[in-house]
Amino acid sequence: EALTEFNSIWYMDTSIVFTKGNLSHVHELITCRNYVVDRPPVKSVEERDLREEQTPIESGWDVEQWKQAVAECRKPGFLMNGFTGHGIYTATAPDVYKYLPTNYTEIKKKKAKMYESGLTLVVKTRDTVEEILKWHVLCALEEDCMAGHYDASMFCFFNDDLYAELPNCHRFDQSVLNILVANTHWYDKHYYASEIVDFFEVKRR
């Protein structure tokens, strides 16, 4: 509804505190669409798996990584920011996939990280509306899609594998949004997350 009035919004939980006033470096990951014409090809699955193994968890603002992301300019208009510490598959009820089919091989990999839904830059672009928001609304209208027909807690307990072990929890709208953005962005957080964490803090009480 907010996007009918504004071209972009920040959707945030009350626990999020911005620590910077200038977020142009985050915004440019999307506004690059206005000037980037020649994008390099998307790397192969094998190359992207290797990149994920060699890339540390985001800390601050990696300028070189950011420059590469701007040159590629493949981030979505629905840009996620805060890594949860685990994968999408391990925190999503299996029944959700009856409504939102996915690639089970890719969704269990390390690069298919889950991000907080409560810290998202949402820009009114065609891909945001047609690939994310439309399907999120349709899922919300089906109780078992959003809820996953699942009795487990929202609180997750993991063993050794944060990405491929059977889920024992479900994150409802966060799970659904992460599936949608992963499905449309090569199951690779390099393409659906800002990978910048120098502009906010999470302060939960």
N, C-alpha and C. Protein backbone atom coordinates (compact mmCIF):
# COMPACT_ATOMS: atom_id res chain seq x y z
N GLU A 1 0.82 -1.20 0.00
CA GLU A 1 0.00 0.00 0.00
C GLU A 1 0.86 1.25 0.00
N ALA A 2 1.96 1.24 0.77
CA ALA A 2 2.83 2.41 0.83
C ALA A 2 3.45 2.71 -0.53
N LEU A 3 3.65 1.68 -1.35
CA LEU A 3 4.27 1.88 -2.66
C LEU A 3 3.32 2.54 -3.65
N THR A 4 2.04 2.66 -3.33
CA THR A 4 1.15 3.42 -4.19
C THR A 4 1.39 4.91 -4.02
N GLU A 5 1.97 5.30 -2.89
CA GLU A 5 2.24 6.71 -2.62
C GLU A 5 3.70 7.07 -2.80
N PHE A 6 4.60 6.12 -2.50
CA PHE A 6 6.04 6.38 -2.57
C PHE A 6 6.70 5.41 -3.54
N ASN A 7 7.78 5.87 -4.18
CA ASN A 7 8.51 5.01 -5.12
C ASN A 7 9.40 4.00 -4.41
N SER A 8 9.75 4.29 -3.16
CA SER A 8 10.58 3.36 -2.39
C SER A 8 10.33 3.58 -0.91
N ILE A 9 10.51 2.51 -0.14
CA ILE A 9 10.35 2.59 1.31
C ILE A 9 11.40 1.71 1.97
N TRP A 10 11.72 2.03 3.21
CA TRP A 10 12.46 1.12 4.08
C TRP A 10 11.45 0.47 5.00
N TYR A 11 11.39 -0.86 4.95
CA TYR A 11 10.52 -1.61 5.85
C TYR A 11 11.38 -2.14 6.99
N MET A 12 11.07 -1.70 8.24
CA MET A 12 11.95 -2.03 9.36
C MET A 12 11.17 -2.42 10.59
N ASP A 13 11.73 -3.36 11.35
CA ASP A 13 11.24 -3.65 12.69
C ASP A 13 11.61 -2.51 13.62
N THR A 14 10.94 -2.45 14.76
CA THR A 14 11.25 -1.40 15.74
C THR A 14 12.61 -1.60 16.39
N SER A 15 13.21 -2.78 16.22
CA SER A 15 14.52 -3.04 16.81
C SER A 15 15.67 -2.48 15.97
N ILE A 16 15.38 -1.99 14.77
CA ILE A 16 16.41 -1.49 13.87
C ILE A 16 16.68 -0.01 14.14
N VAL A 17 17.95 0.32 14.28
CA VAL A 17 18.38 1.71 14.45
C VAL A 17 19.38 2.05 13.36
N PHE A 18 19.09 3.07 12.56
CA PHE A 18 20.06 3.51 11.56
C PHE A 18 21.19 4.26 12.25
N THR A 19 22.40 3.96 11.84
CA THR A 19 23.58 4.62 12.41
C THR A 19 24.20 5.60 11.43
N LYS A 20 23.62 5.71 10.25
CA LYS A 20 24.08 6.65 9.22
C LYS A 20 22.89 7.38 8.63
N GLY A 21 23.11 8.62 8.26
CA GLY A 21 22.07 9.37 7.58
C GLY A 21 22.16 9.25 6.07
N ASN A 22 23.35 8.98 5.58
CA ASN A 22 23.57 8.88 4.14
C ASN A 22 23.62 7.41 3.75
N LEU A 23 22.61 6.96 3.04
CA LEU A 23 22.53 5.56 2.61
C LEU A 23 22.69 5.43 1.10
N SER A 24 23.35 6.40 0.49
CA SER A 24 23.47 6.40 -0.97
C SER A 24 24.21 5.18 -1.48
N HIS A 25 25.15 4.64 -0.67
CA HIS A 25 25.89 3.46 -1.12
C HIS A 25 24.99 2.24 -1.21
N VAL A 26 23.97 2.18 -0.35
CA VAL A 26 22.99 1.09 -0.43
C VAL A 26 22.04 1.33 -1.61
N HIS A 27 21.55 2.54 -1.72
CA HIS A 27 20.60 2.87 -2.79
C HIS A 27 21.21 2.65 -4.17
N GLU A 28 22.51 2.89 -4.30
CA GLU A 28 23.14 2.78 -5.62
C GLU A 28 23.15 1.35 -6.14
N LEU A 29 23.01 0.39 -5.25
CA LEU A 29 22.92 -1.00 -5.69
C LEU A 29 21.68 -1.23 -6.55
N ILE A 30 20.71 -0.32 -6.46
CA ILE A 30 19.51 -0.41 -7.28
C ILE A 30 19.47 0.71 -8.33
N THR A 31 19.86 1.93 -7.95
CA THR A 31 19.82 3.04 -8.91
C THR A 31 20.84 2.87 -10.03
N CYS A 32 21.78 1.94 -9.88
CA CYS A 32 22.72 1.65 -10.96
C CYS A 32 21.99 1.23 -12.23
N ARG A 33 20.75 0.80 -12.10
CA ARG A 33 19.96 0.43 -13.27
C ARG A 33 19.78 1.60 -14.24
N ASN A 34 19.95 2.82 -13.71
CA ASN A 34 19.77 4.00 -14.55
C ASN A 34 20.93 4.24 -15.50
N TYR A 35 22.09 3.59 -15.21
CA TYR A 35 23.25 3.89 -16.06
C TYR A 35 24.08 2.66 -16.46
N VAL A 36 23.93 1.54 -15.78
CA VAL A 36 24.70 0.35 -16.16
C VAL A 36 24.01 -0.33 -17.34
N VAL A 37 24.75 -0.49 -18.42
CA VAL A 37 24.20 -1.10 -19.64
C VAL A 37 24.82 -2.46 -19.90
N ASP A 38 26.13 -2.52 -19.86
CA ASP A 38 26.85 -3.76 -20.18
C ASP A 38 27.17 -4.53 -18.90
N ARG A 39 26.32 -5.48 -18.55
CA ARG A 39 26.53 -6.28 -17.36
C ARG A 39 27.35 -7.52 -17.70
N PRO A 40 28.30 -7.89 -16.86
CA PRO A 40 29.01 -9.15 -17.09
C PRO A 40 28.05 -10.32 -16.91
N PRO A 41 28.31 -11.45 -17.53
CA PRO A 41 27.40 -12.60 -17.38
C PRO A 41 27.40 -13.13 -15.94
N VAL A 42 26.30 -13.73 -15.55
CA VAL A 42 26.22 -14.37 -14.24
C VAL A 42 27.17 -15.56 -14.22
N LYS A 43 27.92 -15.67 -13.13
CA LYS A 43 28.89 -16.76 -13.01
C LYS A 43 28.17 -18.11 -12.94
N SER A 44 28.89 -19.16 -13.27
CA SER A 44 28.33 -20.51 -13.20
C SER A 44 28.04 -20.90 -11.75
N VAL A 45 27.23 -21.92 -11.57
CA VAL A 45 26.93 -22.41 -10.22
C VAL A 45 28.21 -22.77 -9.49
N GLU A 46 29.12 -23.44 -10.16
CA GLU A 46 30.38 -23.86 -9.52
C GLU A 46 31.20 -22.65 -9.09
N GLU A 47 31.25 -21.64 -9.94
CA GLU A 47 32.01 -20.43 -9.60
C GLU A 47 31.37 -19.70 -8.43
N ARG A 48 30.06 -19.67 -8.39
CA ARG A 48 29.37 -18.97 -7.31
C ARG A 48 29.45 -19.74 -6.00
N ASP A 49 29.43 -21.06 -6.06
CA ASP A 49 29.64 -21.87 -4.85
C ASP A 49 31.02 -21.59 -4.27
N LEU A 50 32.02 -21.54 -5.13
CA LEU A 50 33.39 -21.27 -4.68
C LEU A 50 33.50 -19.86 -4.11
N ARG A 51 32.87 -18.89 -4.76
CA ARG A 51 32.90 -17.52 -4.26
C ARG A 51 32.31 -17.44 -2.86
N GLU A 52 31.22 -18.16 -2.63
CA GLU A 52 30.60 -18.14 -1.31
C GLU A 52 31.52 -18.72 -0.25
N GLU A 53 32.23 -19.79 -0.59
CA GLU A 53 33.16 -20.40 0.36
C GLU A 53 34.31 -19.45 0.70
N GLN A 54 34.68 -18.60 -0.23
CA GLN A 54 35.83 -17.71 -0.05
C GLN A 54 35.46 -16.33 0.48
N THR A 55 34.17 -16.05 0.60
CA THR A 55 33.72 -14.73 1.03
C THR A 55 33.31 -14.76 2.50
N PRO A 56 33.92 -13.92 3.33
CA PRO A 56 33.53 -13.89 4.75
C PRO A 56 32.15 -13.27 4.93
N ILE A 57 31.55 -13.54 6.08
CA ILE A 57 30.27 -12.93 6.42
C ILE A 57 30.44 -11.41 6.40
N GLU A 58 29.44 -10.72 5.88
CA GLU A 58 29.54 -9.28 5.73
C GLU A 58 29.85 -8.57 7.05
N SER A 59 30.72 -7.59 6.94
CA SER A 59 31.13 -6.79 8.09
C SER A 59 31.43 -5.39 7.59
N GLY A 60 30.69 -4.42 8.07
CA GLY A 60 30.91 -3.05 7.61
C GLY A 60 30.50 -2.88 6.15
N TRP A 61 31.41 -2.28 5.39
CA TRP A 61 31.16 -2.02 3.97
C TRP A 61 32.41 -2.36 3.19
N ASP A 62 32.36 -3.46 2.46
CA ASP A 62 33.47 -3.89 1.62
C ASP A 62 33.36 -3.13 0.30
N VAL A 63 34.17 -2.11 0.13
CA VAL A 63 34.04 -1.22 -1.02
C VAL A 63 34.31 -1.94 -2.34
N GLU A 64 35.30 -2.82 -2.35
CA GLU A 64 35.62 -3.54 -3.59
C GLU A 64 34.47 -4.47 -3.99
N GLN A 65 33.91 -5.14 -3.01
CA GLN A 65 32.75 -6.00 -3.28
C GLN A 65 31.58 -5.17 -3.79
N TRP A 66 31.40 -4.00 -3.19
CA TRP A 66 30.33 -3.08 -3.59
C TRP A 66 30.52 -2.61 -5.03
N LYS A 67 31.73 -2.26 -5.40
CA LYS A 67 32.00 -1.81 -6.77
C LYS A 67 31.65 -2.91 -7.78
N GLN A 68 31.98 -4.14 -7.43
CA GLN A 68 31.64 -5.26 -8.31
C GLN A 68 30.13 -5.42 -8.43
N ALA A 69 29.43 -5.27 -7.30
CA ALA A 69 27.97 -5.41 -7.31
C ALA A 69 27.31 -4.32 -8.15
N VAL A 70 27.84 -3.10 -8.07
CA VAL A 70 27.30 -2.00 -8.87
C VAL A 70 27.56 -2.25 -10.35
N ALA A 71 28.74 -2.74 -10.68
CA ALA A 71 29.07 -3.04 -12.08
C ALA A 71 28.17 -4.14 -12.64
N GLU A 72 27.86 -5.14 -11.80
CA GLU A 72 26.95 -6.21 -12.23
C GLU A 72 25.51 -5.72 -12.27
N CYS A 73 25.15 -4.92 -11.28
CA CYS A 73 23.82 -4.31 -11.16
C CYS A 73 22.70 -5.34 -11.35
N ARG A 74 22.74 -6.37 -10.53
CA ARG A 74 21.72 -7.43 -10.59
C ARG A 74 20.94 -7.56 -9.29
N LYS A 75 21.12 -6.64 -8.36
CA LYS A 75 20.37 -6.70 -7.10
C LYS A 75 18.89 -6.40 -7.37
N PRO A 76 18.00 -6.97 -6.59
CA PRO A 76 16.57 -6.74 -6.80
C PRO A 76 16.11 -5.41 -6.23
N GLY A 77 14.92 -5.00 -6.66
CA GLY A 77 14.29 -3.84 -6.05
C GLY A 77 13.77 -4.14 -4.66
N PHE A 78 13.84 -5.40 -4.27
CA PHE A 78 13.48 -5.85 -2.92
C PHE A 78 14.77 -6.32 -2.28
N LEU A 79 15.47 -5.40 -1.62
CA LEU A 79 16.85 -5.65 -1.19
C LEU A 79 16.92 -5.94 0.31
N MET A 80 17.43 -7.11 0.65
CA MET A 80 17.52 -7.53 2.04
C MET A 80 18.90 -7.18 2.61
N ASN A 81 19.00 -7.13 3.95
CA ASN A 81 20.22 -6.58 4.55
C ASN A 81 20.77 -7.34 5.74
N GLY A 82 19.97 -7.78 6.66
CA GLY A 82 20.48 -8.37 7.90
C GLY A 82 20.48 -9.89 7.88
N PHE A 83 21.65 -10.51 7.83
CA PHE A 83 21.79 -11.97 7.80
C PHE A 83 21.34 -12.56 9.13
N THR A 84 20.57 -13.64 9.06
CA THR A 84 20.04 -14.28 10.27
C THR A 84 21.02 -15.24 10.93
N GLY A 85 22.03 -15.67 10.17
CA GLY A 85 22.99 -16.63 10.71
C GLY A 85 22.76 -18.05 10.25
N HIS A 86 21.76 -18.25 9.36
CA HIS A 86 21.47 -19.61 8.88
C HIS A 86 20.86 -19.52 7.48
N GLY A 87 20.60 -20.69 6.91
CA GLY A 87 20.05 -20.74 5.57
C GLY A 87 18.54 -20.63 5.53
N ILE A 88 18.01 -20.57 4.32
CA ILE A 88 16.57 -20.49 4.11
C ILE A 88 15.91 -21.84 4.41
N TYR A 89 16.49 -22.90 3.89
CA TYR A 89 15.86 -24.22 3.99
C TYR A 89 15.68 -24.66 5.43
N THR A 90 16.65 -24.41 6.27
CA THR A 90 16.62 -24.92 7.65
C THR A 90 15.63 -24.17 8.54
N ALA A 91 15.04 -23.09 8.04
CA ALA A 91 14.08 -22.34 8.85
C ALA A 91 12.77 -22.13 8.10
N THR A 92 12.43 -23.10 7.27
CA THR A 92 11.20 -23.01 6.48
C THR A 92 10.45 -24.33 6.52
N ALA A 93 9.17 -24.28 6.86
CA ALA A 93 8.34 -25.49 6.89
C ALA A 93 8.25 -26.11 5.50
N PRO A 94 8.44 -27.42 5.40
CA PRO A 94 8.43 -28.08 4.08
C PRO A 94 7.17 -27.86 3.26
N ASP A 95 6.01 -27.71 3.91
CA ASP A 95 4.76 -27.55 3.17
C ASP A 95 4.71 -26.28 2.34
N VAL A 96 5.53 -25.31 2.68
CA VAL A 96 5.55 -24.06 1.92
C VAL A 96 5.90 -24.32 0.45
N TYR A 97 6.74 -25.31 0.23
CA TYR A 97 7.20 -25.59 -1.14
C TYR A 97 6.11 -26.19 -2.02
N LYS A 98 4.99 -26.59 -1.42
CA LYS A 98 3.85 -27.01 -2.24
C LYS A 98 3.27 -25.83 -3.00
N TYR A 99 3.42 -24.65 -2.42
CA TYR A 99 2.90 -23.43 -3.03
C TYR A 99 3.98 -22.64 -3.76
N LEU A 100 5.21 -22.74 -3.28
CA LEU A 100 6.33 -22.00 -3.86
C LEU A 100 7.44 -22.99 -4.21
N PRO A 101 7.34 -23.66 -5.34
CA PRO A 101 8.37 -24.63 -5.72
C PRO A 101 9.74 -23.97 -5.79
N THR A 102 10.76 -24.76 -5.50
CA THR A 102 12.12 -24.22 -5.50
C THR A 102 13.08 -25.29 -6.00
N ASN A 103 14.32 -24.94 -6.11
CA ASN A 103 15.38 -25.89 -6.48
C ASN A 103 15.97 -26.43 -5.19
N TYR A 104 15.65 -27.68 -4.85
CA TYR A 104 16.05 -28.23 -3.56
C TYR A 104 17.56 -28.36 -3.41
N THR A 105 18.25 -28.51 -4.51
CA THR A 105 19.71 -28.59 -4.43
C THR A 105 20.30 -27.24 -4.07
N GLU A 106 19.84 -26.19 -4.74
CA GLU A 106 20.42 -24.86 -4.54
C GLU A 106 19.97 -24.22 -3.23
N ILE A 107 18.72 -24.45 -2.82
CA ILE A 107 18.19 -23.79 -1.62
C ILE A 107 18.86 -24.32 -0.35
N LYS A 108 19.55 -25.46 -0.45
CA LYS A 108 20.24 -26.03 0.71
C LYS A 108 21.72 -25.65 0.77
N LYS A 109 22.16 -24.83 -0.16
CA LYS A 109 23.57 -24.46 -0.20
C LYS A 109 23.86 -23.24 0.67
N LYS A 110 25.13 -23.04 0.96
CA LYS A 110 25.56 -21.98 1.86
C LYS A 110 25.23 -20.59 1.34
N LYS A 111 25.18 -20.45 0.03
CA LYS A 111 24.92 -19.12 -0.53
C LYS A 111 23.44 -18.74 -0.46
N ALA A 112 22.56 -19.71 -0.15
CA ALA A 112 21.13 -19.42 -0.01
C ALA A 112 20.83 -19.03 1.43
N LYS A 113 21.40 -17.93 1.85
CA LYS A 113 21.26 -17.46 3.23
C LYS A 113 19.91 -16.78 3.45
N MET A 114 19.40 -16.92 4.68
CA MET A 114 18.17 -16.23 5.04
C MET A 114 18.51 -14.87 5.64
N TYR A 115 17.73 -13.87 5.24
CA TYR A 115 17.90 -12.51 5.74
C TYR A 115 16.64 -12.05 6.45
N GLU A 116 16.84 -11.13 7.39
CA GLU A 116 15.73 -10.58 8.17
C GLU A 116 14.74 -9.88 7.23
N SER A 117 13.47 -10.18 7.38
CA SER A 117 12.47 -9.46 6.59
C SER A 117 12.24 -8.06 7.14
N GLY A 118 12.62 -7.85 8.39
CA GLY A 118 12.38 -6.57 9.05
C GLY A 118 13.44 -5.52 8.82
N LEU A 119 14.21 -5.66 7.75
CA LEU A 119 15.15 -4.61 7.35
C LEU A 119 15.35 -4.72 5.84
N THR A 120 14.40 -4.16 5.12
CA THR A 120 14.37 -4.35 3.67
C THR A 120 14.13 -3.03 2.97
N LEU A 121 14.92 -2.77 1.94
CA LEU A 121 14.68 -1.63 1.06
C LEU A 121 13.79 -2.12 -0.08
N VAL A 122 12.63 -1.51 -0.20
CA VAL A 122 11.66 -1.94 -1.21
C VAL A 122 11.45 -0.80 -2.21
N VAL A 123 11.82 -1.03 -3.45
CA VAL A 123 11.68 -0.04 -4.51
C VAL A 123 10.62 -0.52 -5.49
N LYS A 124 9.77 0.40 -5.91
CA LYS A 124 8.67 0.04 -6.80
C LYS A 124 9.20 -0.17 -8.22
N THR A 125 9.74 -1.36 -8.45
CA THR A 125 10.20 -1.74 -9.77
C THR A 125 9.33 -2.89 -10.27
N ARG A 126 9.43 -3.19 -11.54
CA ARG A 126 8.62 -4.28 -12.10
C ARG A 126 8.95 -5.60 -11.42
N ASP A 127 10.24 -5.86 -11.19
CA ASP A 127 10.60 -7.14 -10.57
C ASP A 127 10.10 -7.23 -9.13
N THR A 128 10.11 -6.11 -8.41
CA THR A 128 9.59 -6.13 -7.04
C THR A 128 8.11 -6.50 -7.03
N VAL A 129 7.34 -5.86 -7.89
CA VAL A 129 5.89 -6.07 -7.92
C VAL A 129 5.53 -7.45 -8.46
N GLU A 130 6.13 -7.84 -9.59
CA GLU A 130 5.70 -9.06 -10.27
C GLU A 130 6.34 -10.33 -9.72
N GLU A 131 7.58 -10.22 -9.21
CA GLU A 131 8.28 -11.43 -8.77
C GLU A 131 8.21 -11.65 -7.27
N ILE A 132 8.01 -10.58 -6.51
CA ILE A 132 8.04 -10.71 -5.04
C ILE A 132 6.67 -10.40 -4.43
N LEU A 133 6.22 -9.16 -4.54
CA LEU A 133 5.03 -8.73 -3.81
C LEU A 133 3.77 -9.46 -4.25
N LYS A 134 3.59 -9.65 -5.54
CA LYS A 134 2.38 -10.35 -6.02
C LYS A 134 2.28 -11.74 -5.42
N TRP A 135 3.37 -12.49 -5.45
CA TRP A 135 3.36 -13.86 -4.95
C TRP A 135 3.30 -13.91 -3.43
N HIS A 136 3.86 -12.89 -2.79
CA HIS A 136 3.77 -12.83 -1.32
C HIS A 136 2.32 -12.62 -0.89
N VAL A 137 1.61 -11.74 -1.58
CA VAL A 137 0.20 -11.50 -1.26
C VAL A 137 -0.62 -12.76 -1.52
N LEU A 138 -0.41 -13.40 -2.65
CA LEU A 138 -1.15 -14.63 -2.97
C LEU A 138 -0.87 -15.72 -1.94
N CYS A 139 0.36 -15.81 -1.49
CA CYS A 139 0.71 -16.79 -0.46
C CYS A 139 0.00 -16.47 0.85
N ALA A 140 -0.07 -15.18 1.18
CA ALA A 140 -0.71 -14.77 2.43
C ALA A 140 -2.20 -15.12 2.44
N LEU A 141 -2.79 -15.23 1.27
CA LEU A 141 -4.21 -15.58 1.18
C LEU A 141 -4.46 -17.07 1.35
N GLU A 142 -3.40 -17.86 1.33
CA GLU A 142 -3.50 -19.31 1.57
C GLU A 142 -2.86 -19.61 2.92
N GLU A 143 -3.68 -20.00 3.88
CA GLU A 143 -3.18 -20.18 5.25
C GLU A 143 -1.98 -21.11 5.32
N ASP A 144 -2.05 -22.23 4.63
CA ASP A 144 -0.96 -23.21 4.73
C ASP A 144 0.28 -22.79 3.95
N CYS A 145 0.15 -21.80 3.09
CA CYS A 145 1.34 -21.30 2.38
C CYS A 145 2.18 -20.46 3.33
N MET A 146 1.59 -19.47 3.94
CA MET A 146 2.36 -18.61 4.84
C MET A 146 2.69 -19.33 6.14
N ALA A 147 1.75 -20.07 6.69
CA ALA A 147 1.95 -20.75 7.97
C ALA A 147 2.70 -22.07 7.82
N GLY A 148 2.67 -22.62 6.62
CA GLY A 148 3.39 -23.87 6.39
C GLY A 148 2.76 -25.09 7.03
N HIS A 149 1.53 -24.94 7.57
CA HIS A 149 0.86 -26.06 8.24
C HIS A 149 1.85 -26.76 9.18
N TYR A 150 2.45 -25.95 10.03
CA TYR A 150 3.61 -26.42 10.79
C TYR A 150 3.42 -26.08 12.25
N ASP A 151 3.75 -27.02 13.14
CA ASP A 151 3.57 -26.81 14.57
C ASP A 151 4.84 -26.36 15.28
N ALA A 152 5.95 -26.34 14.56
CA ALA A 152 7.23 -26.01 15.20
C ALA A 152 7.29 -24.53 15.57
N SER A 153 8.19 -24.23 16.45
CA SER A 153 8.38 -22.87 16.95
C SER A 153 9.03 -21.98 15.90
N MET A 154 8.90 -20.67 16.09
CA MET A 154 9.66 -19.72 15.29
C MET A 154 11.13 -19.73 15.69
N PHE A 155 11.42 -20.25 16.88
CA PHE A 155 12.79 -20.26 17.38
C PHE A 155 13.51 -21.51 16.89
N CYS A 156 14.64 -21.29 16.25
CA CYS A 156 15.35 -22.38 15.58
C CYS A 156 16.47 -22.94 16.45
N PHE A 157 16.64 -24.25 16.36
CA PHE A 157 17.76 -24.92 17.02
C PHE A 157 18.50 -25.75 15.98
N PHE A 158 19.77 -25.44 15.80
CA PHE A 158 20.54 -26.09 14.75
C PHE A 158 21.60 -27.00 15.34
N ASN A 159 21.95 -28.02 14.58
CA ASN A 159 23.08 -28.88 14.93
C ASN A 159 24.31 -28.38 14.19
N ASP A 160 24.90 -29.18 13.35
CA ASP A 160 26.13 -28.77 12.68
C ASP A 160 25.89 -28.06 11.35
N ASP A 161 24.79 -28.37 10.71
CA ASP A 161 24.55 -27.85 9.36
C ASP A 161 23.49 -26.75 9.39
N LEU A 162 23.89 -25.54 9.13
CA LEU A 162 22.98 -24.39 9.17
C LEU A 162 22.19 -24.21 7.88
N TYR A 163 22.48 -25.06 6.89
CA TYR A 163 21.90 -24.82 5.57
C TYR A 163 21.10 -25.98 5.00
N ALA A 164 21.39 -27.21 5.39
CA ALA A 164 20.73 -28.35 4.74
C ALA A 164 20.06 -29.33 5.68
N GLU A 165 20.18 -29.17 6.99
CA GLU A 165 19.52 -30.11 7.89
C GLU A 165 18.02 -29.88 7.87
N LEU A 166 17.26 -30.90 8.26
CA LEU A 166 15.80 -30.78 8.27
C LEU A 166 15.36 -29.65 9.18
N PRO A 167 14.41 -28.83 8.75
CA PRO A 167 13.99 -27.69 9.56
C PRO A 167 13.21 -28.12 10.80
N ASN A 168 13.41 -27.38 11.89
CA ASN A 168 12.61 -27.59 13.09
C ASN A 168 11.91 -26.30 13.51
N CYS A 169 11.88 -25.34 12.59
CA CYS A 169 11.24 -24.07 12.87
C CYS A 169 10.74 -23.47 11.56
N HIS A 170 9.95 -22.41 11.68
CA HIS A 170 9.39 -21.76 10.50
C HIS A 170 9.29 -20.26 10.78
N ARG A 171 9.68 -19.46 9.80
CA ARG A 171 9.72 -18.00 9.99
C ARG A 171 8.62 -17.27 9.23
N PHE A 172 7.60 -17.99 8.80
CA PHE A 172 6.40 -17.40 8.22
C PHE A 172 6.72 -16.43 7.07
N ASP A 173 6.37 -15.14 7.19
CA ASP A 173 6.56 -14.21 6.07
C ASP A 173 8.03 -14.09 5.70
N GLN A 174 8.92 -14.18 6.68
CA GLN A 174 10.35 -14.09 6.38
C GLN A 174 10.80 -15.27 5.52
N SER A 175 10.30 -16.46 5.84
CA SER A 175 10.63 -17.64 5.02
C SER A 175 10.12 -17.46 3.60
N VAL A 176 8.89 -17.01 3.46
CA VAL A 176 8.30 -16.85 2.13
C VAL A 176 9.04 -15.81 1.31
N LEU A 177 9.34 -14.67 1.90
CA LEU A 177 10.04 -13.62 1.16
C LEU A 177 11.43 -14.08 0.73
N ASN A 178 12.11 -14.80 1.59
CA ASN A 178 13.45 -15.29 1.24
C ASN A 178 13.39 -16.32 0.11
N ILE A 179 12.39 -17.19 0.12
CA ILE A 179 12.24 -18.14 -0.98
C ILE A 179 12.01 -17.40 -2.29
N LEU A 180 11.13 -16.42 -2.26
CA LEU A 180 10.80 -15.68 -3.49
C LEU A 180 12.01 -14.96 -4.06
N VAL A 181 12.76 -14.31 -3.19
CA VAL A 181 13.91 -13.55 -3.69
C VAL A 181 15.04 -14.49 -4.10
N ALA A 182 15.18 -15.62 -3.42
CA ALA A 182 16.20 -16.59 -3.81
C ALA A 182 15.84 -17.27 -5.13
N ASN A 183 14.58 -17.64 -5.28
CA ASN A 183 14.13 -18.28 -6.52
C ASN A 183 14.42 -17.43 -7.75
N THR A 184 14.34 -16.13 -7.59
CA THR A 184 14.50 -15.23 -8.74
C THR A 184 15.91 -14.66 -8.85
N HIS A 185 16.79 -15.02 -7.92
CA HIS A 185 18.15 -14.46 -7.94
C HIS A 185 19.20 -15.54 -7.68
N TRP A 186 19.06 -16.64 -8.40
CA TRP A 186 20.09 -17.67 -8.47
C TRP A 186 20.42 -18.30 -7.12
N TYR A 187 19.51 -18.22 -6.15
CA TYR A 187 19.73 -18.84 -4.83
C TYR A 187 21.07 -18.38 -4.25
N ASP A 188 21.35 -17.10 -4.41
CA ASP A 188 22.68 -16.57 -4.09
C ASP A 188 22.55 -15.20 -3.45
N LYS A 189 22.88 -15.10 -2.17
CA LYS A 189 22.72 -13.84 -1.45
C LYS A 189 23.54 -12.71 -2.06
N HIS A 190 24.56 -13.05 -2.84
CA HIS A 190 25.34 -12.01 -3.53
C HIS A 190 24.43 -11.17 -4.42
N TYR A 191 23.33 -11.78 -4.88
CA TYR A 191 22.42 -11.09 -5.79
C TYR A 191 21.16 -10.56 -5.12
N TYR A 192 20.84 -11.00 -3.90
CA TYR A 192 19.60 -10.51 -3.29
C TYR A 192 19.79 -9.78 -1.97
N ALA A 193 21.02 -9.68 -1.49
CA ALA A 193 21.29 -8.92 -0.27
C ALA A 193 22.27 -7.80 -0.57
N SER A 194 22.20 -6.73 0.21
CA SER A 194 23.11 -5.60 -0.02
C SER A 194 24.55 -5.96 0.32
N GLU A 195 24.73 -6.87 1.28
CA GLU A 195 26.05 -7.24 1.80
C GLU A 195 26.76 -6.06 2.45
N ILE A 196 25.97 -5.09 2.90
CA ILE A 196 26.49 -3.90 3.59
C ILE A 196 25.81 -3.83 4.95
N VAL A 197 26.59 -3.71 6.00
CA VAL A 197 26.01 -3.69 7.35
C VAL A 197 26.57 -2.54 8.19
N ASP A 198 27.06 -1.50 7.54
CA ASP A 198 27.67 -0.39 8.27
C ASP A 198 26.69 0.72 8.61
N PHE A 199 25.41 0.53 8.29
CA PHE A 199 24.46 1.64 8.44
C PHE A 199 23.35 1.37 9.45
N PHE A 200 23.40 0.25 10.16
CA PHE A 200 22.33 -0.07 11.10
C PHE A 200 22.85 -0.90 12.27
N GLU A 201 22.07 -0.89 13.33
CA GLU A 201 22.27 -1.77 14.47
C GLU A 201 20.93 -2.40 14.83
N VAL A 202 20.99 -3.58 15.42
CA VAL A 202 19.78 -4.24 15.90
C VAL A 202 19.80 -4.18 17.42
N LYS A 203 18.79 -3.55 18.00
CA LYS A 203 18.72 -3.40 19.45
C LYS A 203 17.40 -3.96 19.95
N ARG A 204 17.44 -5.23 20.34
CA ARG A 204 16.23 -5.89 20.83
C ARG A 204 16.20 -5.83 22.35
N ARG A 205 15.03 -5.68 22.91
CA ARG A 205 14.87 -5.63 24.36
C ARG A 205 14.29 -6.95 24.88
